[in-house]
N, C-alpha and C. Protein backbone atom coordinates (compact mmCIF):
# COMPACT_ATOMS: atom_id res chain seq x y z
N VAL A 1 -4.27 7.19 -3.27
CA VAL A 1 -4.57 5.95 -2.56
C VAL A 1 -3.51 5.76 -1.48
N SER A 2 -3.97 5.51 -0.27
CA SER A 2 -3.03 5.29 0.82
C SER A 2 -2.92 3.79 1.13
N THR A 3 -2.03 3.46 2.03
CA THR A 3 -1.85 2.06 2.43
C THR A 3 -2.81 1.66 3.55
N ASP A 4 -3.66 2.59 3.98
CA ASP A 4 -4.65 2.34 5.02
C ASP A 4 -5.70 1.34 4.53
N GLU A 5 -6.03 0.36 5.35
CA GLU A 5 -6.95 -0.70 4.94
C GLU A 5 -8.33 -0.16 4.56
N GLU A 6 -8.85 0.80 5.31
CA GLU A 6 -10.16 1.37 4.98
C GLU A 6 -10.14 2.06 3.62
N ASN A 7 -9.07 2.78 3.33
CA ASN A 7 -8.94 3.45 2.04
C ASN A 7 -8.88 2.44 0.91
N LEU A 8 -8.07 1.42 1.08
CA LEU A 8 -7.96 0.38 0.06
C LEU A 8 -9.29 -0.33 -0.15
N LYS A 9 -9.99 -0.64 0.94
CA LYS A 9 -11.28 -1.32 0.85
C LYS A 9 -12.27 -0.48 0.05
N GLY A 10 -12.28 0.82 0.28
CA GLY A 10 -13.18 1.70 -0.46
C GLY A 10 -12.94 1.62 -1.96
N TRP A 11 -11.69 1.60 -2.35
CA TRP A 11 -11.36 1.52 -3.78
C TRP A 11 -11.78 0.18 -4.37
N PHE A 12 -11.44 -0.91 -3.68
CA PHE A 12 -11.78 -2.23 -4.22
C PHE A 12 -13.29 -2.48 -4.18
N ASP A 13 -13.97 -1.97 -3.17
CA ASP A 13 -15.43 -2.08 -3.13
C ASP A 13 -16.07 -1.31 -4.28
N ALA A 14 -15.39 -0.26 -4.74
CA ALA A 14 -15.91 0.54 -5.86
C ALA A 14 -15.68 -0.14 -7.21
N GLY A 15 -14.90 -1.24 -7.21
CA GLY A 15 -14.75 -2.02 -8.42
C GLY A 15 -13.41 -1.95 -9.13
N VAL A 16 -12.42 -1.28 -8.54
CA VAL A 16 -11.12 -1.23 -9.20
C VAL A 16 -10.46 -2.61 -9.15
N THR A 17 -9.55 -2.84 -10.07
CA THR A 17 -8.79 -4.09 -10.07
C THR A 17 -7.35 -3.88 -9.60
N CYS A 18 -6.93 -2.62 -9.57
CA CYS A 18 -5.60 -2.30 -9.07
C CYS A 18 -5.60 -0.85 -8.59
N VAL A 19 -4.61 -0.48 -7.81
CA VAL A 19 -4.48 0.88 -7.32
C VAL A 19 -3.03 1.33 -7.48
N GLY A 20 -2.83 2.62 -7.63
CA GLY A 20 -1.49 3.20 -7.67
C GLY A 20 -1.26 3.97 -6.38
N MET A 21 -0.14 3.73 -5.74
CA MET A 21 0.11 4.39 -4.46
C MET A 21 1.25 5.39 -4.51
N GLY A 22 2.16 5.24 -5.43
CA GLY A 22 3.24 6.21 -5.59
C GLY A 22 3.93 6.56 -4.29
N SER A 23 3.93 7.86 -3.97
CA SER A 23 4.66 8.35 -2.81
C SER A 23 4.01 7.96 -1.49
N LYS A 24 2.78 7.46 -1.53
CA LYS A 24 2.16 6.96 -0.29
C LYS A 24 2.81 5.65 0.13
N LEU A 25 3.37 4.94 -0.83
CA LEU A 25 4.04 3.67 -0.55
C LEU A 25 5.55 3.88 -0.44
N ILE A 26 6.11 4.59 -1.38
CA ILE A 26 7.56 4.84 -1.40
C ILE A 26 7.78 6.31 -1.10
N SER A 27 7.89 6.62 0.18
CA SER A 27 7.98 8.02 0.61
C SER A 27 9.39 8.58 0.45
N LYS A 28 9.47 9.90 0.49
CA LYS A 28 10.78 10.57 0.44
C LYS A 28 11.63 10.16 1.63
N GLU A 29 10.98 9.97 2.78
CA GLU A 29 11.70 9.60 3.99
C GLU A 29 12.35 8.22 3.85
N ILE A 30 11.60 7.29 3.30
CA ILE A 30 12.16 5.94 3.09
C ILE A 30 13.37 6.01 2.17
N LEU A 31 13.24 6.77 1.09
CA LEU A 31 14.35 6.89 0.14
C LEU A 31 15.53 7.64 0.75
N ALA A 32 15.25 8.74 1.45
CA ALA A 32 16.33 9.54 2.05
C ALA A 32 17.11 8.74 3.08
N ASN A 33 16.40 7.91 3.83
CA ASN A 33 17.05 7.10 4.87
C ASN A 33 17.53 5.75 4.36
N LYS A 34 17.27 5.48 3.08
CA LYS A 34 17.63 4.20 2.47
C LYS A 34 17.09 3.03 3.32
N ASP A 35 15.84 3.21 3.77
CA ASP A 35 15.19 2.22 4.63
C ASP A 35 14.49 1.18 3.77
N PHE A 36 15.27 0.38 3.08
CA PHE A 36 14.70 -0.59 2.15
C PHE A 36 14.04 -1.76 2.88
N LYS A 37 14.51 -2.08 4.07
CA LYS A 37 13.85 -3.12 4.87
C LYS A 37 12.48 -2.61 5.31
N GLY A 38 12.41 -1.35 5.70
CA GLY A 38 11.12 -0.76 6.07
C GLY A 38 10.17 -0.73 4.89
N LEU A 39 10.70 -0.42 3.71
CA LEU A 39 9.89 -0.43 2.49
C LEU A 39 9.38 -1.84 2.21
N GLU A 40 10.26 -2.81 2.34
CA GLU A 40 9.86 -4.20 2.12
C GLU A 40 8.72 -4.59 3.06
N ASN A 41 8.85 -4.21 4.33
CA ASN A 41 7.81 -4.54 5.30
C ASN A 41 6.49 -3.84 4.97
N LEU A 42 6.56 -2.57 4.56
CA LEU A 42 5.36 -1.83 4.20
C LEU A 42 4.67 -2.45 2.99
N VAL A 43 5.45 -2.87 2.00
CA VAL A 43 4.88 -3.51 0.82
C VAL A 43 4.22 -4.83 1.21
N ARG A 44 4.89 -5.62 2.04
CA ARG A 44 4.32 -6.90 2.48
C ARG A 44 3.00 -6.69 3.23
N GLU A 45 2.99 -5.71 4.14
CA GLU A 45 1.78 -5.42 4.92
C GLU A 45 0.65 -4.95 4.01
N THR A 46 0.98 -4.10 3.05
CA THR A 46 -0.03 -3.57 2.13
C THR A 46 -0.59 -4.67 1.24
N LEU A 47 0.27 -5.52 0.73
CA LEU A 47 -0.21 -6.64 -0.09
C LEU A 47 -1.10 -7.58 0.72
N ALA A 48 -0.76 -7.81 1.98
CA ALA A 48 -1.58 -8.66 2.84
C ALA A 48 -2.97 -8.04 3.02
N LYS A 49 -3.02 -6.73 3.19
CA LYS A 49 -4.31 -6.04 3.31
C LYS A 49 -5.13 -6.21 2.04
N ILE A 50 -4.49 -6.05 0.89
CA ILE A 50 -5.19 -6.16 -0.39
C ILE A 50 -5.72 -7.58 -0.58
N ILE A 51 -4.90 -8.57 -0.27
CA ILE A 51 -5.34 -9.97 -0.40
C ILE A 51 -6.55 -10.22 0.50
N LYS A 52 -6.50 -9.72 1.72
CA LYS A 52 -7.62 -9.87 2.66
C LYS A 52 -8.89 -9.22 2.10
N ILE A 53 -8.77 -8.03 1.57
CA ILE A 53 -9.92 -7.30 1.02
C ILE A 53 -10.51 -8.02 -0.18
N ARG A 54 -9.66 -8.53 -1.05
CA ARG A 54 -10.14 -9.12 -2.30
C ARG A 54 -10.68 -10.53 -2.13
N ASN A 55 -10.41 -11.17 -1.00
CA ASN A 55 -10.89 -12.55 -0.79
C ASN A 55 -12.14 -12.58 0.01
């Protein structure tokens, strides 16, 4: 599962109640660069997409 809105919509339209993103959300690059602010922003953006899809 990616953080792309179309991908997320496909999963939720199929009836899932949650998704696992793993390395699609927390990439090696984010960890290697200790880009925790970037991670925070990506999580916020992804959650906003999910809320939009589910409402």
